[in-house]
Amino acid sequence: MPLQLPIGFGNATLIWSQTGDPDRYTSDFGFTDASADAAPLVASAIYSAWTTTISPAANIATGYFFEGVDVRMHRDFGIVEGSDLTRLTGTYTAQFPPQNVAMLVRKSTGFAGRKNRGRMFLPPCYVAETPISNTGQIDAVTLATLNGQLAQFIDALADADCPMALLHTNIADPPTPVVSLRMESIVATQRRRLR
């Protein structure tokens, strides 16, 4: 069943690319559309929230690019879409994990049950290989820094009138506000082959 987008809510897609890889990486999250701004302005607000907290150029690996944000919102008069595709080039120089490694972020709503939990995967351009052990464990200092940035991102979204929400596949289930994001201490992998 496809994701349902109730009136007053939107879906944001964060987009990355990597030199030499024709595929793009994306990560999505829902949000409450509390702004009366046009869709491109909402996309710009989310872009700004992301790039000023988690993803300034200095936090992105060299060879990776943050390509921007697409939004899709359901307003009273129908679906509207907008983008801010301002490309940001990574300047963080280090050895990074291979592209099938991902950082797993848990979305917490404060409610129990599987339907009230979410997750998003981020590309490995934010954590160098050095703070990752041979068992995939991210060191505590790096993890604390990333979780602090994720907390700032949640606050920045709320300040921009687009607080994060967990969307559900059943339209009868209203979206649930996301109250916190937490990076998992062990890296995840994507099920795609390295070419």
Protein backbone atom coordinates (compact mmCIF):
# COMPACT_ATOMS: atom_id res chain seq x y z
CA MET A 1 0.00 0.00 0.00
CA PRO A 2 1.48 3.40 -0.93
CA LEU A 3 2.16 6.10 1.61
CA GLN A 4 -0.90 8.26 2.28
CA LEU A 5 -0.42 12.03 2.38
CA PRO A 6 -3.25 13.60 4.42
CA ILE A 7 -4.25 17.23 4.02
CA GLY A 8 -1.92 19.45 6.03
CA PHE A 9 1.11 17.18 5.71
CA GLY A 10 4.02 16.76 3.36
CA ASN A 11 6.86 14.46 2.43
CA ALA A 12 10.44 15.70 2.04
CA THR A 13 13.13 13.87 0.08
CA LEU A 14 16.78 14.60 0.82
CA ILE A 15 19.01 13.88 -2.19
CA TRP A 16 22.75 13.04 -2.45
CA SER A 17 25.08 11.90 -5.20
CA GLN A 18 28.63 10.62 -5.36
CA THR A 19 31.34 11.06 -7.96
CA GLY A 20 31.46 8.01 -10.22
CA ASP A 21 28.08 6.61 -9.20
CA PRO A 22 25.18 7.23 -11.60
CA ASP A 23 22.62 6.47 -8.87
CA ARG A 24 21.40 9.04 -6.39
CA TYR A 25 20.80 8.40 -2.71
CA THR A 26 17.57 9.58 -1.13
CA SER A 27 16.07 9.62 2.32
CA ASP A 28 12.49 10.68 3.08
CA PHE A 29 10.57 11.98 6.04
CA GLY A 30 7.08 13.33 6.62
CA PHE A 31 6.32 16.74 8.05
CA THR A 32 3.42 18.85 9.23
CA ASP A 33 2.72 21.59 6.69
CA ALA A 34 2.17 24.42 9.18
CA SER A 35 3.39 27.08 6.77
CA ALA A 36 1.35 28.98 4.21
CA ASP A 37 4.49 29.38 2.07
CA ALA A 38 4.70 28.12 -1.49
CA ALA A 39 6.18 24.64 -1.89
CA PRO A 40 9.61 25.85 -3.15
CA LEU A 41 9.94 28.05 -0.04
CA VAL A 42 9.09 25.09 2.21
CA ALA A 43 11.76 23.05 0.37
CA SER A 44 14.23 25.89 0.96
CA ALA A 45 13.37 25.98 4.67
CA ILE A 46 14.00 22.23 4.99
CA TYR A 47 17.21 22.58 2.93
CA SER A 48 18.39 25.32 5.29
CA ALA A 49 17.49 23.28 8.39
CA TRP A 50 19.51 20.31 7.07
CA THR A 51 22.55 22.21 5.82
CA THR A 52 22.94 24.37 8.91
CA THR A 53 22.71 21.52 11.44
CA ILE A 54 23.86 18.18 10.02
CA SER A 55 25.10 18.83 6.57
CA PRO A 56 27.28 21.88 6.03
CA ALA A 57 29.90 21.21 3.32
CA ALA A 58 32.56 20.57 5.99
CA ASN A 59 30.54 17.56 7.29
CA ILE A 60 30.14 15.90 3.87
CA ALA A 61 32.85 13.65 2.44
CA THR A 62 34.85 14.88 -0.53
CA GLY A 63 33.35 13.25 -3.64
CA TYR A 64 29.81 13.43 -2.25
CA PHE A 65 27.26 16.12 -3.03
CA PHE A 66 24.12 17.09 -1.19
CA GLU A 67 21.85 17.76 -4.18
CA GLY A 68 18.94 19.34 -2.33
CA VAL A 69 15.38 18.74 -1.18
CA ASP A 70 12.14 17.84 -2.98
CA VAL A 71 8.83 18.33 -1.17
CA ARG A 72 5.32 17.11 -1.90
CA MET A 73 2.49 18.53 0.20
CA HIS A 74 -1.25 17.98 0.38
CA ARG A 75 -3.05 21.26 0.85
CA ASP A 76 -6.79 22.02 0.83
CA PHE A 77 -6.77 22.56 -2.93
CA GLY A 78 -4.64 19.52 -3.81
CA ILE A 79 -1.06 18.25 -4.07
CA VAL A 80 1.74 20.80 -4.53
CA GLU A 81 5.40 20.14 -5.16
CA GLY A 82 8.57 22.17 -4.90
CA SER A 83 12.34 21.84 -4.74
CA ASP A 84 15.50 23.53 -3.60
CA LEU A 85 18.20 21.85 -5.66
CA THR A 86 21.15 23.98 -4.61
CA ARG A 87 24.12 21.62 -4.89
CA LEU A 88 26.46 21.49 -1.90
CA THR A 89 29.91 19.97 -2.50
CA GLY A 90 31.48 17.99 0.34
CA THR A 91 34.84 19.17 1.65
CA TYR A 92 35.48 16.66 4.48
CA THR A 93 38.67 14.84 3.49
CA ALA A 94 39.11 11.38 5.02
CA GLN A 95 38.74 7.71 4.13
CA PHE A 96 35.01 6.85 4.12
CA PRO A 97 33.15 3.53 4.18
CA PRO A 98 31.99 2.01 0.88
CA GLN A 99 28.75 3.30 -0.59
CA ASN A 100 26.65 0.31 0.50
CA VAL A 101 27.19 1.28 4.14
CA ALA A 102 24.52 3.53 5.61
CA MET A 103 23.91 5.42 8.82
CA LEU A 104 20.61 4.28 10.34
CA VAL A 105 18.56 6.98 12.08
CA ARG A 106 15.61 5.99 14.29
CA LYS A 107 12.56 8.27 14.43
CA SER A 108 10.90 8.34 17.85
CA THR A 109 7.36 9.57 18.44
CA GLY A 110 7.05 8.86 22.15
CA PHE A 111 4.27 6.33 21.48
CA ALA A 112 4.54 2.56 21.73
CA GLY A 113 4.00 0.13 18.90
CA ARG A 114 5.63 -0.63 15.60
CA LYS A 115 3.49 1.83 13.63
CA ASN A 116 4.79 4.66 15.82
CA ARG A 117 8.44 4.04 15.00
CA GLY A 118 10.25 5.02 11.86
CA ARG A 119 13.72 5.12 10.39
CA MET A 120 15.73 6.74 7.70
CA PHE A 121 19.02 5.80 6.10
CA LEU A 122 21.75 8.34 5.41
CA PRO A 123 24.65 7.77 3.02
CA PRO A 124 28.08 7.11 4.58
CA CYS A 125 29.37 10.59 3.77
CA TYR A 126 29.03 11.87 7.36
CA VAL A 127 31.23 9.38 9.25
CA ALA A 128 34.81 8.55 8.25
CA GLU A 129 36.05 4.97 8.54
CA THR A 130 38.36 5.79 11.47
CA PRO A 131 35.63 6.08 14.16
CA ILE A 132 33.94 2.87 12.93
CA SER A 133 35.27 -0.36 14.45
CA ASN A 134 35.80 -3.58 12.51
CA THR A 135 32.42 -4.73 13.92
CA GLY A 136 30.62 -1.65 12.55
CA GLN A 137 30.38 0.19 15.88
CA ILE A 138 30.55 4.00 15.69
CA ASP A 139 32.66 5.43 18.53
CA ALA A 140 30.82 7.20 21.36
CA VAL A 141 32.21 10.70 20.73
CA THR A 142 31.27 10.67 17.02
CA LEU A 143 27.85 9.22 17.85
CA ALA A 144 27.18 11.91 20.46
CA THR A 145 28.12 14.63 17.94
CA LEU A 146 25.81 13.19 15.28
CA ASN A 147 22.92 12.80 17.72
CA GLY A 148 23.39 16.39 18.84
CA GLN A 149 23.17 17.53 15.21
CA LEU A 150 20.03 15.44 14.68
CA ALA A 151 18.43 17.09 17.73
CA GLN A 152 19.28 20.50 16.26
CA PHE A 153 17.71 19.43 12.95
CA ILE A 154 14.42 18.48 14.67
CA ASP A 155 14.37 21.90 16.37
CA ALA A 156 15.21 23.72 13.11
CA LEU A 157 12.32 21.99 11.31
CA ALA A 158 9.90 23.06 14.05
CA ASP A 159 11.25 26.62 13.87
CA ALA A 160 10.61 26.58 10.09
CA ASP A 161 6.93 25.56 10.57
CA CYS A 162 7.49 22.08 9.15
CA PRO A 163 8.02 19.80 12.16
CA MET A 164 8.82 16.19 11.34
CA ALA A 165 5.94 13.69 11.41
CA LEU A 166 5.66 9.96 10.89
CA LEU A 167 3.30 9.24 7.99
CA HIS A 168 1.35 5.97 7.87
CA THR A 169 0.13 3.74 5.05
CA ASN A 170 -3.42 3.69 6.43
CA ILE A 171 -5.17 7.04 5.88
CA ALA A 172 -7.27 6.36 8.99
CA ASP A 173 -4.10 6.62 11.10
CA PRO A 174 -3.26 10.30 11.56
CA PRO A 175 0.44 11.21 11.21
CA THR A 176 2.38 11.09 14.46
CA PRO A 177 4.76 13.90 15.47
CA VAL A 178 8.42 12.82 15.63
CA VAL A 179 9.93 14.06 18.88
CA SER A 180 13.51 12.87 18.42
CA LEU A 181 16.00 11.29 16.04
CA ARG A 182 18.70 8.88 17.16
CA MET A 183 21.61 7.53 15.15
CA GLU A 184 22.12 3.81 15.70
CA SER A 185 25.52 2.93 17.15
CA ILE A 186 26.14 0.24 14.51
CA VAL A 187 26.24 1.09 10.80
CA ALA A 188 23.69 -0.49 8.48
CA THR A 189 24.11 -1.82 4.96
CA GLN A 190 22.03 -1.37 1.87
CA ARG A 191 21.13 -4.43 -0.19
CA ARG A 192 22.82 -3.33 -3.35
CA ARG A 193 25.97 -4.69 -4.85
CA LEU A 194 29.10 -2.69 -5.19
CA ARG A 195 29.90 -2.42 -8.87
